[in-house]
Amino acid sequence: MSAAAGGLDWPGLMRVGIRGLGLRPAEFWALTPAELALMLGEAAGRPQLTRARLDELAAQWPDRPAAAPAQGETRKDGR
């Protein structure tokens, strides 16, 4: 399967693993794709939670429900 068909670019991966990282062929082939990606510095999972993202999540999912509207007012959702 070629990289163009949606597969892995094995020649390219071998170049960066063997030449770039200095792995021996047996070491390269013993790695999982996830281990190789980690060695190449690619994020293995979700990005770090920043303060800005935490603020967005807190606004979207508050700990307390919004205050009820005053008598005669309607809520933002029309209720």
Protein backbone atom coordinates (compact mmCIF):
# COMPACT_ATOMS: atom_id res chain seq x y z
CA MET A 1 0.00 0.00 0.00
CA SER A 2 1.48 3.35 -0.94
CA ALA A 3 1.26 6.59 1.01
CA ALA A 4 -0.84 8.02 -1.83
CA ALA A 5 -3.41 5.29 -1.28
CA GLY A 6 -3.75 6.25 2.39
CA GLY A 7 -1.05 3.93 3.77
CA LEU A 8 2.10 4.72 5.66
CA ASP A 9 5.13 6.18 3.89
CA TRP A 10 7.49 3.38 4.93
CA PRO A 11 10.54 4.66 2.98
CA GLY A 12 10.11 8.10 4.57
CA LEU A 13 9.58 6.63 8.03
CA MET A 14 12.64 4.42 7.62
CA ARG A 15 14.74 7.46 6.60
CA VAL A 16 13.77 9.48 9.65
CA GLY A 17 13.98 6.48 11.98
CA ILE A 18 17.29 5.07 10.78
CA ARG A 19 19.08 8.19 9.52
CA GLY A 20 17.42 10.87 11.63
CA LEU A 21 17.07 9.04 14.93
CA GLY A 22 20.02 6.71 14.44
CA LEU A 23 17.98 3.55 15.04
CA ARG A 24 19.24 0.19 13.86
CA PRO A 25 16.88 -1.56 11.42
CA ALA A 26 15.85 -4.13 14.06
CA GLU A 27 15.10 -1.31 16.53
CA PHE A 28 13.06 0.54 13.91
CA TRP A 29 10.95 -2.51 13.05
CA ALA A 30 10.39 -3.32 16.74
CA LEU A 31 8.66 0.05 17.28
CA THR A 32 4.93 0.60 16.99
CA PRO A 33 3.81 3.56 14.84
CA ALA A 34 2.77 5.35 18.05
CA GLU A 35 6.23 4.87 19.58
CA LEU A 36 7.91 6.15 16.43
CA ALA A 37 5.61 9.20 16.35
CA LEU A 38 6.48 9.93 19.99
CA MET A 39 10.20 9.66 19.25
CA LEU A 40 9.75 12.06 16.34
CA GLY A 41 8.17 14.60 18.68
CA GLU A 42 4.60 14.29 17.49
CA ALA A 43 1.96 14.74 20.16
CA ALA A 44 0.71 11.45 21.50
CA GLY A 45 -2.76 12.43 22.58
CA ARG A 46 -4.71 15.57 23.18
CA PRO A 47 -3.02 18.95 23.24
CA GLN A 48 -2.25 20.51 26.58
CA LEU A 49 -5.15 22.28 28.27
CA THR A 50 -4.45 26.02 28.21
CA ARG A 51 -6.03 28.63 30.46
CA ALA A 52 -7.96 30.05 27.50
CA ARG A 53 -9.42 26.64 26.67
CA LEU A 54 -10.28 26.06 30.33
CA ASP A 55 -12.14 29.40 30.37
CA GLU A 56 -14.06 28.38 27.23
CA LEU A 57 -15.06 25.07 28.81
CA ALA A 58 -16.06 26.77 32.08
CA ALA A 59 -18.29 29.19 30.18
CA GLN A 60 -19.83 26.34 28.20
CA TRP A 61 -20.30 24.04 31.22
CA PRO A 62 -20.66 26.22 34.36
CA ASP A 63 -20.59 24.61 37.80
CA ARG A 64 -23.80 26.41 38.75
CA PRO A 65 -26.84 26.98 36.57
CA ALA A 66 -27.41 30.53 35.39
CA ALA A 67 -29.57 32.68 37.65
CA ALA A 68 -33.28 32.63 36.95
CA PRO A 69 -34.58 35.74 35.16
CA ALA A 70 -36.35 38.40 37.18
CA GLN A 71 -40.17 38.53 37.21
CA GLY A 72 -41.44 39.36 33.71
CA GLU A 73 -38.12 38.76 31.94
CA THR A 74 -37.38 35.82 29.69
CA ARG A 75 -34.25 33.77 29.58
CA LYS A 76 -31.89 33.89 26.63
CA ASP A 77 -33.27 30.58 25.38
CA GLY A 78 -36.80 32.06 25.25
CA ARG A 79 -38.27 30.21 28.24
